[in-house]
N, C-alpha and C. Protein backbone atom coordinates (compact mmCIF):
# COMPACT_ATOMS: atom_id res chain seq x y z
N MET A 1 37.81 32.00 -65.33
CA MET A 1 37.55 32.89 -64.27
C MET A 1 36.07 33.20 -64.12
N THR A 2 35.35 33.14 -65.16
CA THR A 2 33.92 33.42 -65.12
C THR A 2 33.18 32.37 -64.29
N LEU A 3 33.59 31.13 -64.38
CA LEU A 3 32.95 30.07 -63.63
C LEU A 3 33.18 30.27 -62.12
N ARG A 4 34.37 30.72 -61.76
CA ARG A 4 34.65 30.95 -60.35
C ARG A 4 33.82 32.11 -59.80
N ARG A 5 33.64 33.14 -60.54
CA ARG A 5 32.85 34.27 -60.09
C ARG A 5 31.39 33.85 -59.91
N HIS A 6 30.86 33.02 -60.79
CA HIS A 6 29.48 32.54 -60.70
C HIS A 6 29.28 31.69 -59.44
N ILE A 7 30.25 30.84 -59.12
CA ILE A 7 30.16 30.02 -57.91
C ILE A 7 30.24 30.89 -56.66
N ALA A 8 31.09 31.88 -56.66
CA ALA A 8 31.23 32.77 -55.51
C ALA A 8 29.96 33.56 -55.27
N ASP A 9 29.26 33.95 -56.32
CA ASP A 9 28.04 34.72 -56.18
C ASP A 9 26.87 33.88 -55.67
N SER A 10 26.90 32.55 -55.83
CA SER A 10 25.76 31.71 -55.44
C SER A 10 25.87 31.16 -54.02
N ARG A 11 26.94 31.46 -53.30
CA ARG A 11 27.06 30.97 -51.94
C ARG A 11 26.22 31.80 -50.99
N GLY A 12 25.74 31.13 -49.81
CA GLY A 12 25.00 31.85 -48.78
C GLY A 12 23.50 31.74 -48.97
N PHE A 13 22.78 32.43 -48.07
CA PHE A 13 21.33 32.40 -48.08
C PHE A 13 20.81 33.78 -48.45
N THR A 14 19.65 33.77 -49.01
CA THR A 14 19.01 35.06 -49.29
C THR A 14 18.28 35.53 -48.05
N LEU A 15 17.94 36.79 -47.99
CA LEU A 15 17.22 37.35 -46.86
C LEU A 15 15.85 36.68 -46.70
N THR A 16 15.22 36.33 -47.78
CA THR A 16 13.92 35.65 -47.72
C THR A 16 14.06 34.28 -47.08
N GLU A 17 15.07 33.52 -47.44
CA GLU A 17 15.28 32.20 -46.85
C GLU A 17 15.54 32.30 -45.35
N VAL A 18 16.36 33.24 -44.95
CA VAL A 18 16.67 33.42 -43.53
C VAL A 18 15.41 33.82 -42.77
N THR A 19 14.59 34.69 -43.35
CA THR A 19 13.35 35.13 -42.70
C THR A 19 12.38 33.97 -42.52
N VAL A 20 12.24 33.12 -43.52
CA VAL A 20 11.35 31.97 -43.44
C VAL A 20 11.81 31.02 -42.34
N VAL A 21 13.11 30.76 -42.25
CA VAL A 21 13.64 29.86 -41.23
C VAL A 21 13.41 30.44 -39.83
N ILE A 22 13.63 31.73 -39.66
CA ILE A 22 13.44 32.36 -38.35
C ILE A 22 11.97 32.31 -37.94
N VAL A 23 11.06 32.57 -38.87
CA VAL A 23 9.63 32.52 -38.57
C VAL A 23 9.22 31.10 -38.19
N LEU A 24 9.67 30.10 -38.93
CA LEU A 24 9.33 28.71 -38.60
C LEU A 24 9.91 28.32 -37.25
N ALA A 25 11.14 28.70 -36.96
CA ALA A 25 11.74 28.39 -35.66
C ALA A 25 10.96 29.08 -34.54
N GLY A 26 10.50 30.29 -34.77
CA GLY A 26 9.70 31.00 -33.77
C GLY A 26 8.37 30.32 -33.50
N VAL A 27 7.70 29.84 -34.54
CA VAL A 27 6.42 29.14 -34.38
C VAL A 27 6.62 27.86 -33.58
N VAL A 28 7.66 27.10 -33.92
CA VAL A 28 7.94 25.87 -33.18
C VAL A 28 8.27 26.17 -31.72
N THR A 29 9.06 27.20 -31.46
CA THR A 29 9.41 27.58 -30.10
C THR A 29 8.18 28.01 -29.31
N LEU A 30 7.32 28.81 -29.91
CA LEU A 30 6.09 29.21 -29.23
C LEU A 30 5.21 28.01 -28.90
N GLY A 31 5.13 27.05 -29.80
CA GLY A 31 4.35 25.84 -29.55
C GLY A 31 4.91 25.05 -28.38
N LEU A 32 6.23 24.92 -28.32
CA LEU A 32 6.86 24.20 -27.21
C LEU A 32 6.67 24.93 -25.88
N VAL A 33 6.78 26.24 -25.89
CA VAL A 33 6.58 27.01 -24.66
C VAL A 33 5.14 26.89 -24.19
N ALA A 34 4.18 26.98 -25.10
CA ALA A 34 2.77 26.85 -24.73
C ALA A 34 2.49 25.45 -24.15
N PHE A 35 3.04 24.43 -24.77
CA PHE A 35 2.88 23.07 -24.26
C PHE A 35 3.47 22.93 -22.87
N TYR A 36 4.66 23.48 -22.64
CA TYR A 36 5.32 23.40 -21.35
C TYR A 36 4.50 24.12 -20.27
N LEU A 37 4.05 25.33 -20.57
CA LEU A 37 3.28 26.09 -19.58
C LEU A 37 1.96 25.40 -19.26
N ASN A 38 1.31 24.84 -20.26
CA ASN A 38 0.05 24.13 -20.04
C ASN A 38 0.28 22.89 -19.17
N SER A 39 1.33 22.15 -19.44
CA SER A 39 1.61 20.95 -18.64
C SER A 39 1.98 21.33 -17.22
N GLN A 40 2.68 22.45 -17.03
CA GLN A 40 3.01 22.91 -15.68
C GLN A 40 1.74 23.28 -14.91
N ALA A 41 0.80 23.96 -15.56
CA ALA A 41 -0.45 24.35 -14.91
C ALA A 41 -1.26 23.11 -14.51
N MET A 42 -1.31 22.13 -15.41
CA MET A 42 -2.03 20.89 -15.09
C MET A 42 -1.36 20.16 -13.93
N TRP A 43 -0.03 20.14 -13.90
CA TRP A 43 0.69 19.48 -12.83
C TRP A 43 0.41 20.18 -11.50
N MET A 44 0.39 21.51 -11.49
CA MET A 44 0.13 22.25 -10.25
C MET A 44 -1.29 21.97 -9.74
N ASP A 45 -2.28 21.96 -10.63
CA ASP A 45 -3.65 21.66 -10.22
C ASP A 45 -3.75 20.26 -9.62
N ALA A 46 -3.15 19.30 -10.30
CA ALA A 46 -3.19 17.92 -9.80
C ALA A 46 -2.44 17.79 -8.47
N SER A 47 -1.34 18.50 -8.34
CA SER A 47 -0.56 18.44 -7.11
C SER A 47 -1.33 19.03 -5.93
N THR A 48 -1.96 20.19 -6.13
CA THR A 48 -2.71 20.80 -5.03
C THR A 48 -3.95 19.97 -4.69
N GLN A 49 -4.54 19.34 -5.69
CA GLN A 49 -5.68 18.46 -5.41
C GLN A 49 -5.22 17.25 -4.60
N ALA A 50 -4.08 16.69 -4.94
CA ALA A 50 -3.56 15.55 -4.18
C ALA A 50 -3.25 15.95 -2.74
N LEU A 51 -2.73 17.15 -2.53
CA LEU A 51 -2.45 17.62 -1.17
C LEU A 51 -3.75 17.79 -0.39
N ALA A 52 -4.79 18.32 -1.04
CA ALA A 52 -6.08 18.47 -0.37
C ALA A 52 -6.67 17.10 -0.01
N GLN A 53 -6.55 16.14 -0.92
CA GLN A 53 -7.04 14.79 -0.63
C GLN A 53 -6.26 14.17 0.53
N ARG A 54 -4.97 14.39 0.55
CA ARG A 54 -4.15 13.86 1.64
C ARG A 54 -4.56 14.46 2.97
N ASP A 55 -4.82 15.78 2.99
CA ASP A 55 -5.23 16.43 4.23
C ASP A 55 -6.61 15.96 4.69
N ALA A 56 -7.54 15.79 3.75
CA ALA A 56 -8.86 15.28 4.12
C ALA A 56 -8.74 13.86 4.68
N THR A 57 -7.91 13.05 4.07
CA THR A 57 -7.69 11.70 4.58
C THR A 57 -7.06 11.73 5.97
N SER A 58 -6.16 12.67 6.21
CA SER A 58 -5.54 12.80 7.54
C SER A 58 -6.59 13.13 8.60
N ILE A 59 -7.51 14.02 8.27
CA ILE A 59 -8.57 14.38 9.21
C ILE A 59 -9.42 13.16 9.53
N LEU A 60 -9.85 12.44 8.49
CA LEU A 60 -10.69 11.27 8.71
C LEU A 60 -9.94 10.17 9.45
N GLU A 61 -8.67 10.00 9.16
CA GLU A 61 -7.87 8.96 9.83
C GLU A 61 -7.69 9.29 11.31
N GLU A 62 -7.46 10.56 11.63
CA GLU A 62 -7.33 10.97 13.03
C GLU A 62 -8.64 10.71 13.77
N MET A 63 -9.75 11.03 13.13
CA MET A 63 -11.06 10.78 13.74
C MET A 63 -11.29 9.28 13.92
N ARG A 64 -10.89 8.49 12.94
CA ARG A 64 -11.07 7.04 13.03
C ARG A 64 -10.28 6.47 14.19
N GLN A 65 -9.04 6.88 14.34
CA GLN A 65 -8.21 6.37 15.43
C GLN A 65 -8.82 6.68 16.79
N ARG A 66 -9.30 7.89 16.96
CA ARG A 66 -9.90 8.29 18.24
C ARG A 66 -11.27 7.63 18.43
N GLY A 67 -12.01 7.50 17.37
CA GLY A 67 -13.35 6.91 17.45
C GLY A 67 -13.33 5.44 17.82
N HIS A 68 -12.35 4.71 17.35
CA HIS A 68 -12.25 3.28 17.67
C HIS A 68 -12.03 3.05 19.17
N GLN A 69 -11.48 4.03 19.86
CA GLN A 69 -11.23 3.90 21.30
C GLN A 69 -12.45 4.30 22.12
N ALA A 70 -13.45 4.90 21.48
CA ALA A 70 -14.59 5.46 22.20
C ALA A 70 -15.73 4.46 22.35
N ALA A 71 -16.61 4.76 23.33
CA ALA A 71 -17.81 3.95 23.54
C ALA A 71 -19.05 4.66 23.00
N SER A 72 -19.01 5.98 22.96
CA SER A 72 -20.15 6.74 22.44
C SER A 72 -19.65 8.07 21.90
N ALA A 73 -20.56 8.75 21.22
CA ALA A 73 -20.22 10.04 20.64
C ALA A 73 -21.46 10.92 20.60
N VAL A 74 -21.23 12.22 20.58
CA VAL A 74 -22.31 13.20 20.49
C VAL A 74 -21.91 14.22 19.44
N TRP A 75 -22.88 14.55 18.57
CA TRP A 75 -22.67 15.56 17.52
C TRP A 75 -23.39 16.83 17.92
N ASP A 76 -22.66 17.91 18.04
CA ASP A 76 -23.20 19.24 18.34
C ASP A 76 -23.26 20.00 17.01
N ALA A 77 -24.41 19.93 16.35
CA ALA A 77 -24.55 20.48 14.99
C ALA A 77 -24.30 21.98 14.92
N PRO A 78 -24.85 22.81 15.81
CA PRO A 78 -24.62 24.25 15.68
C PRO A 78 -23.14 24.64 15.76
N ASN A 79 -22.37 23.88 16.53
CA ASN A 79 -20.95 24.19 16.67
C ASN A 79 -20.05 23.32 15.80
N HIS A 80 -20.66 22.46 14.99
CA HIS A 80 -19.90 21.55 14.11
C HIS A 80 -18.83 20.81 14.91
N LYS A 81 -19.29 20.15 15.99
CA LYS A 81 -18.35 19.48 16.89
C LYS A 81 -18.84 18.08 17.23
N VAL A 82 -17.95 17.10 17.09
CA VAL A 82 -18.26 15.73 17.52
C VAL A 82 -17.33 15.41 18.69
N THR A 83 -17.92 14.87 19.75
CA THR A 83 -17.16 14.55 20.96
C THR A 83 -17.27 13.06 21.22
N PHE A 84 -16.14 12.41 21.48
CA PHE A 84 -16.08 10.99 21.78
C PHE A 84 -15.94 10.79 23.28
N TYR A 85 -16.67 9.77 23.80
CA TYR A 85 -16.67 9.48 25.24
C TYR A 85 -16.30 8.01 25.46
N ASP A 86 -15.75 7.73 26.66
CA ASP A 86 -15.46 6.35 27.02
C ASP A 86 -16.68 5.74 27.72
N ASN A 87 -16.55 4.54 28.28
CA ASN A 87 -17.67 3.84 28.91
C ASN A 87 -18.24 4.58 30.12
N SER A 88 -17.39 5.34 30.81
CA SER A 88 -17.85 6.07 31.99
C SER A 88 -18.28 7.50 31.65
N LEU A 89 -18.50 7.75 30.37
CA LEU A 89 -18.94 9.05 29.85
C LEU A 89 -17.94 10.17 30.12
N GLN A 90 -16.67 9.80 30.21
CA GLN A 90 -15.61 10.80 30.29
C GLN A 90 -15.20 11.16 28.86
N GLU A 91 -15.03 12.45 28.61
CA GLU A 91 -14.65 12.89 27.27
C GLU A 91 -13.25 12.41 26.93
N LEU A 92 -13.14 11.76 25.78
CA LEU A 92 -11.84 11.31 25.29
C LEU A 92 -11.23 12.35 24.35
N ASP A 93 -12.01 12.75 23.37
CA ASP A 93 -11.54 13.64 22.32
C ASP A 93 -12.72 14.36 21.68
N SER A 94 -12.39 15.44 21.01
CA SER A 94 -13.42 16.12 20.22
C SER A 94 -12.78 16.67 18.95
N PHE A 95 -13.60 16.78 17.94
CA PHE A 95 -13.19 17.33 16.65
C PHE A 95 -14.20 18.40 16.29
N PHE A 96 -13.72 19.56 15.91
CA PHE A 96 -14.65 20.63 15.56
C PHE A 96 -14.09 21.46 14.41
N TRP A 97 -15.04 22.03 13.67
CA TRP A 97 -14.71 22.88 12.53
C TRP A 97 -14.82 24.31 12.97
N ASP A 98 -13.72 25.04 12.90
CA ASP A 98 -13.70 26.45 13.28
C ASP A 98 -14.14 27.29 12.08
N GLN A 99 -15.43 27.25 11.81
CA GLN A 99 -15.98 27.88 10.62
C GLN A 99 -15.77 29.39 10.63
N ALA A 100 -15.94 30.03 11.76
CA ALA A 100 -15.83 31.48 11.83
C ALA A 100 -14.38 31.95 11.89
N GLY A 101 -13.48 31.08 12.32
CA GLY A 101 -12.08 31.47 12.48
C GLY A 101 -11.23 31.12 11.27
N ASP A 102 -10.44 30.06 11.43
CA ASP A 102 -9.48 29.71 10.38
C ASP A 102 -10.03 28.70 9.36
N SER A 103 -11.26 28.25 9.53
CA SER A 103 -11.90 27.29 8.61
C SER A 103 -11.19 25.94 8.54
N LEU A 104 -10.56 25.55 9.64
CA LEU A 104 -9.87 24.27 9.70
C LEU A 104 -10.58 23.37 10.71
N VAL A 105 -10.36 22.06 10.58
CA VAL A 105 -10.88 21.11 11.56
C VAL A 105 -9.82 20.95 12.65
N HIS A 106 -10.25 21.13 13.89
CA HIS A 106 -9.35 21.06 15.04
C HIS A 106 -9.64 19.80 15.85
N HIS A 107 -8.63 19.38 16.57
CA HIS A 107 -8.73 18.19 17.41
C HIS A 107 -8.28 18.58 18.81
N GLY A 108 -9.10 18.27 19.79
CA GLY A 108 -8.72 18.60 21.16
C GLY A 108 -9.41 17.69 22.14
N GLY A 109 -8.80 17.51 23.27
CA GLY A 109 -9.37 16.69 24.33
C GLY A 109 -9.79 17.56 25.50
N PRO A 110 -10.13 16.94 26.61
CA PRO A 110 -10.57 17.70 27.78
C PRO A 110 -9.49 18.67 28.29
N SER A 111 -8.22 18.30 28.14
CA SER A 111 -7.14 19.17 28.60
C SER A 111 -6.78 20.27 27.59
N ASP A 112 -7.30 20.16 26.38
CA ASP A 112 -6.99 21.14 25.32
C ASP A 112 -8.26 21.48 24.56
N PRO A 113 -9.18 22.26 25.16
CA PRO A 113 -10.47 22.52 24.52
C PRO A 113 -10.37 23.34 23.24
N LEU A 114 -9.31 24.15 23.07
CA LEU A 114 -9.16 24.92 21.84
C LEU A 114 -8.62 24.06 20.71
N GLY A 115 -7.92 23.02 21.06
CA GLY A 115 -7.44 22.06 20.08
C GLY A 115 -6.35 22.59 19.17
N ARG A 116 -5.98 21.75 18.25
CA ARG A 116 -4.98 22.11 17.24
C ARG A 116 -5.53 21.70 15.88
N ALA A 117 -5.16 22.44 14.87
CA ALA A 117 -5.60 22.12 13.52
C ALA A 117 -4.94 20.82 13.08
N ILE A 118 -5.72 19.95 12.47
CA ILE A 118 -5.19 18.65 12.04
C ILE A 118 -4.43 18.80 10.73
N ALA A 119 -4.98 19.59 9.82
CA ALA A 119 -4.37 19.77 8.50
C ALA A 119 -4.56 21.22 8.07
N PRO A 120 -3.65 21.74 7.23
CA PRO A 120 -3.71 23.15 6.86
C PRO A 120 -4.68 23.49 5.72
N THR A 121 -5.39 22.51 5.19
CA THR A 121 -6.29 22.77 4.07
C THR A 121 -7.62 23.32 4.57
N VAL A 122 -8.12 24.33 3.87
CA VAL A 122 -9.37 24.99 4.23
C VAL A 122 -10.54 24.02 4.07
N VAL A 123 -11.38 23.95 5.10
CA VAL A 123 -12.57 23.10 5.08
C VAL A 123 -13.78 23.96 4.78
N GLU A 124 -14.59 23.54 3.81
CA GLU A 124 -15.79 24.29 3.44
C GLU A 124 -17.05 23.71 4.07
N GLN A 125 -17.02 22.42 4.41
CA GLN A 125 -18.20 21.80 5.01
C GLN A 125 -17.75 20.60 5.84
N PHE A 126 -18.37 20.47 7.02
CA PHE A 126 -18.06 19.36 7.93
C PHE A 126 -19.36 18.98 8.62
N GLU A 127 -19.93 17.87 8.18
CA GLU A 127 -21.21 17.40 8.72
C GLU A 127 -21.05 15.96 9.20
N VAL A 128 -21.53 15.71 10.41
CA VAL A 128 -21.40 14.40 11.05
C VAL A 128 -22.76 13.96 11.57
N SER A 129 -23.00 12.67 11.58
CA SER A 129 -24.19 12.12 12.24
C SER A 129 -23.75 10.94 13.10
N VAL A 130 -24.47 10.76 14.22
CA VAL A 130 -24.15 9.70 15.18
C VAL A 130 -25.32 8.73 15.23
N ASP A 131 -25.01 7.44 15.15
CA ASP A 131 -26.03 6.40 15.26
C ASP A 131 -25.74 5.58 16.51
N PRO A 132 -26.41 5.89 17.64
CA PRO A 132 -26.12 5.16 18.87
C PRO A 132 -26.56 3.70 18.82
N THR A 133 -27.52 3.37 17.97
CA THR A 133 -27.99 1.99 17.86
C THR A 133 -26.87 1.07 17.39
N TYR A 134 -26.16 1.49 16.37
CA TYR A 134 -25.08 0.67 15.80
C TYR A 134 -23.70 1.06 16.33
N GLY A 135 -23.65 2.10 17.15
CA GLY A 135 -22.35 2.53 17.68
C GLY A 135 -21.44 3.03 16.60
N SER A 136 -21.94 3.94 15.79
CA SER A 136 -21.12 4.45 14.70
C SER A 136 -21.27 5.97 14.57
N VAL A 137 -20.25 6.55 14.02
CA VAL A 137 -20.21 7.97 13.70
C VAL A 137 -19.96 8.06 12.20
N SER A 138 -20.83 8.77 11.51
CA SER A 138 -20.66 8.93 10.07
C SER A 138 -20.27 10.37 9.76
N VAL A 139 -19.14 10.51 9.13
CA VAL A 139 -18.77 11.83 8.60
C VAL A 139 -19.47 11.90 7.25
N ASP A 140 -20.64 12.55 7.25
CA ASP A 140 -21.45 12.60 6.04
C ASP A 140 -20.78 13.42 4.95
N THR A 141 -20.20 14.55 5.33
CA THR A 141 -19.54 15.40 4.35
C THR A 141 -18.32 16.07 4.96
N LEU A 142 -17.21 15.88 4.33
CA LEU A 142 -15.99 16.63 4.63
C LEU A 142 -15.54 17.20 3.29
N LYS A 143 -15.77 18.49 3.12
CA LYS A 143 -15.42 19.14 1.85
C LYS A 143 -14.28 20.11 2.11
N VAL A 144 -13.16 19.86 1.43
CA VAL A 144 -11.99 20.73 1.55
C VAL A 144 -11.71 21.38 0.20
N ARG A 145 -11.01 22.53 0.25
CA ARG A 145 -10.67 23.26 -0.97
C ARG A 145 -9.16 23.42 -1.05
N SER A 146 -8.60 23.01 -2.17
CA SER A 146 -7.15 23.13 -2.36
C SER A 146 -6.78 24.59 -2.60
N THR A 147 -5.49 24.87 -2.58
CA THR A 147 -5.03 26.24 -2.79
C THR A 147 -5.34 26.74 -4.20
N SER A 148 -5.53 25.83 -5.14
CA SER A 148 -5.88 26.24 -6.50
C SER A 148 -7.39 26.30 -6.70
N GLY A 149 -8.16 26.00 -5.65
CA GLY A 149 -9.62 26.11 -5.73
C GLY A 149 -10.34 24.82 -6.04
N VAL A 150 -9.63 23.72 -6.20
CA VAL A 150 -10.26 22.43 -6.47
C VAL A 150 -10.90 21.92 -5.18
N ARG A 151 -12.14 21.48 -5.28
CA ARG A 151 -12.85 20.98 -4.11
C ARG A 151 -12.79 19.46 -4.07
N VAL A 152 -12.54 18.94 -2.87
CA VAL A 152 -12.47 17.49 -2.64
C VAL A 152 -13.48 17.17 -1.55
N THR A 153 -14.36 16.20 -1.83
CA THR A 153 -15.37 15.80 -0.86
C THR A 153 -15.13 14.34 -0.47
N MET A 154 -15.18 14.09 0.84
CA MET A 154 -14.99 12.73 1.35
C MET A 154 -16.03 12.45 2.43
N SER A 155 -16.24 11.18 2.69
CA SER A 155 -17.12 10.75 3.77
C SER A 155 -16.66 9.38 4.25
N THR A 156 -17.07 9.03 5.47
CA THR A 156 -16.69 7.74 6.03
C THR A 156 -17.60 7.42 7.20
N THR A 157 -17.54 6.19 7.64
CA THR A 157 -18.24 5.77 8.85
C THR A 157 -17.22 5.15 9.80
N ILE A 158 -17.31 5.54 11.05
CA ILE A 158 -16.35 5.11 12.06
C ILE A 158 -17.09 4.26 13.09
N GLY A 159 -16.57 3.08 13.36
CA GLY A 159 -17.15 2.22 14.39
C GLY A 159 -16.59 2.55 15.76
N LEU A 160 -17.48 2.62 16.76
CA LEU A 160 -17.06 2.86 18.14
C LEU A 160 -16.90 1.49 18.79
N PHE A 161 -15.67 1.05 18.98
CA PHE A 161 -15.39 -0.33 19.38
C PHE A 161 -15.46 -0.61 20.88
N ASN A 162 -15.43 0.41 21.72
CA ASN A 162 -15.41 0.19 23.17
C ASN A 162 -16.79 0.31 23.78
N ARG A 163 -17.78 -0.25 23.16
CA ARG A 163 -19.17 -0.14 23.64
C ARG A 163 -19.46 -1.16 24.69
């Protein structure tokens, strides 16, 4: 009977053993949660940057499509506005940055001078230059800011094909 009592007394865990296991499980859980939250934050930053890049590309692509149909262009620097014209100097389209208003790049033609915003991403800088010798419009700087604050800068040159 003594052997049975000794075996019965040795079953189970001590309070120290249980405490050590709980502390180790807590440390591992905290590490996993920190890793998950960090990866989520990185994913959100990358996602908002990709959206800003997509919107900047949309602006430049819209300008490219309209510019290829034009014969000439004029850049109005104080108003941050580029206007495309056909061979008879009729306005085809214009693109302008509403710096004082919604900070978006708008697109409008002669029938819609107020235009519509091309993309919902905030634009911080929009600078264009026109080279009439080569028939090109250069978007020197298009700087957009994502919702997380990441800045994306793009530039391009557009050929005016109807010269």
